[in-house]
Amino acid sequence: MRPILATTCAIVLFVLAACGKPAAPDPIATKRGIQQAWEAAANPFVVAGWTSGDRASWQEQMNRRAQNQNEFLRTR
């Protein structure tokens, strides 16, 4: 009885695994490769005072954005 049960379970698992959809590749990662967050293209939509590739200026801009979203500081 156990070999039949084991075989049935193996077949069920195989069928369920075959029904899965393969993961689609990330189109952005395959197109440009993996980039760090502070390495972006220089375009007119970046914030003034931020230079592409400079991690310190990127971190400063992220801190400013976080402080601008802080409701406690905005209500003062």
Protein backbone atom coordinates (compact mmCIF):
# COMPACT_ATOMS: atom_id res chain seq x y z
CA MET A 1 0.00 0.00 0.00
CA ARG A 2 2.85 2.42 0.83
CA PRO A 3 4.55 2.20 -2.59
CA ILE A 4 1.27 3.01 -4.31
CA LEU A 5 0.68 5.97 -1.99
CA ALA A 6 4.21 7.26 -2.51
CA THR A 7 3.93 6.91 -6.28
CA THR A 8 0.55 8.66 -6.30
CA CYS A 9 1.92 11.53 -4.21
CA ALA A 10 4.93 11.86 -6.51
CA ILE A 11 2.69 11.99 -9.58
CA VAL A 12 0.40 14.59 -7.99
CA LEU A 13 3.37 16.76 -7.03
CA PHE A 14 4.83 16.44 -10.54
CA VAL A 15 1.53 17.45 -12.14
CA LEU A 16 1.12 20.42 -9.79
CA ALA A 17 4.68 21.58 -10.46
CA ALA A 18 4.10 21.35 -14.21
CA CYS A 19 1.05 23.62 -13.92
CA GLY A 20 3.11 26.50 -12.56
CA LYS A 21 4.00 29.49 -14.66
CA PRO A 22 7.72 30.20 -15.05
CA ALA A 23 8.90 33.50 -13.63
CA ALA A 24 9.28 36.24 -16.20
CA PRO A 25 12.66 37.98 -16.29
CA ASP A 26 12.80 41.54 -15.01
CA PRO A 27 12.79 43.71 -18.18
CA ILE A 28 14.62 46.59 -16.50
CA ALA A 29 17.40 44.44 -15.07
CA THR A 30 17.93 42.61 -18.35
CA LYS A 31 17.88 45.80 -20.39
CA ARG A 32 20.28 47.96 -18.39
CA GLY A 33 21.90 45.60 -15.95
CA ILE A 34 21.83 46.04 -12.21
CA GLN A 35 22.57 49.59 -11.02
CA GLN A 36 22.95 51.12 -7.62
CA ALA A 37 20.19 53.51 -6.58
CA TRP A 38 22.42 56.57 -6.75
CA GLU A 39 23.63 55.77 -10.28
CA ALA A 40 20.97 57.14 -12.60
CA ALA A 41 20.87 58.87 -15.93
CA ALA A 42 21.33 62.61 -16.02
CA ASN A 43 18.00 63.96 -17.26
CA PRO A 44 15.85 67.04 -16.60
CA PHE A 45 13.71 65.21 -14.04
CA VAL A 46 16.34 64.76 -11.33
CA VAL A 47 16.34 67.06 -8.31
CA ALA A 48 18.61 70.08 -8.43
CA GLY A 49 21.65 69.59 -6.23
CA TRP A 50 21.88 65.88 -6.88
CA THR A 51 24.58 64.53 -9.15
CA SER A 52 24.36 61.11 -10.72
CA GLY A 53 26.80 58.63 -9.25
CA ASP A 54 27.43 60.58 -6.03
CA ARG A 55 26.25 58.45 -3.12
CA ALA A 56 26.57 61.24 -0.52
CA SER A 57 24.36 63.69 -2.45
CA TRP A 58 21.84 60.88 -3.11
CA GLN A 59 21.70 60.09 0.62
CA GLU A 60 21.22 63.79 1.42
CA GLN A 61 18.30 64.01 -1.03
CA MET A 62 16.71 60.90 0.47
CA ASN A 63 16.99 62.40 3.96
CA ARG A 64 15.41 65.65 2.75
CA ARG A 65 12.52 63.77 1.18
CA ALA A 66 11.97 61.81 4.38
CA GLN A 67 11.94 65.02 6.44
CA ASN A 68 9.49 66.66 4.03
CA GLN A 69 7.11 63.73 4.55
CA ASN A 70 7.34 63.93 8.33
CA GLU A 71 3.94 65.29 9.46
CA PHE A 72 5.22 66.23 12.90
CA LEU A 73 7.75 68.62 11.42
CA ARG A 74 5.32 70.00 8.82
CA THR A 75 2.69 71.03 11.41
CA ARG A 76 5.03 73.21 13.43
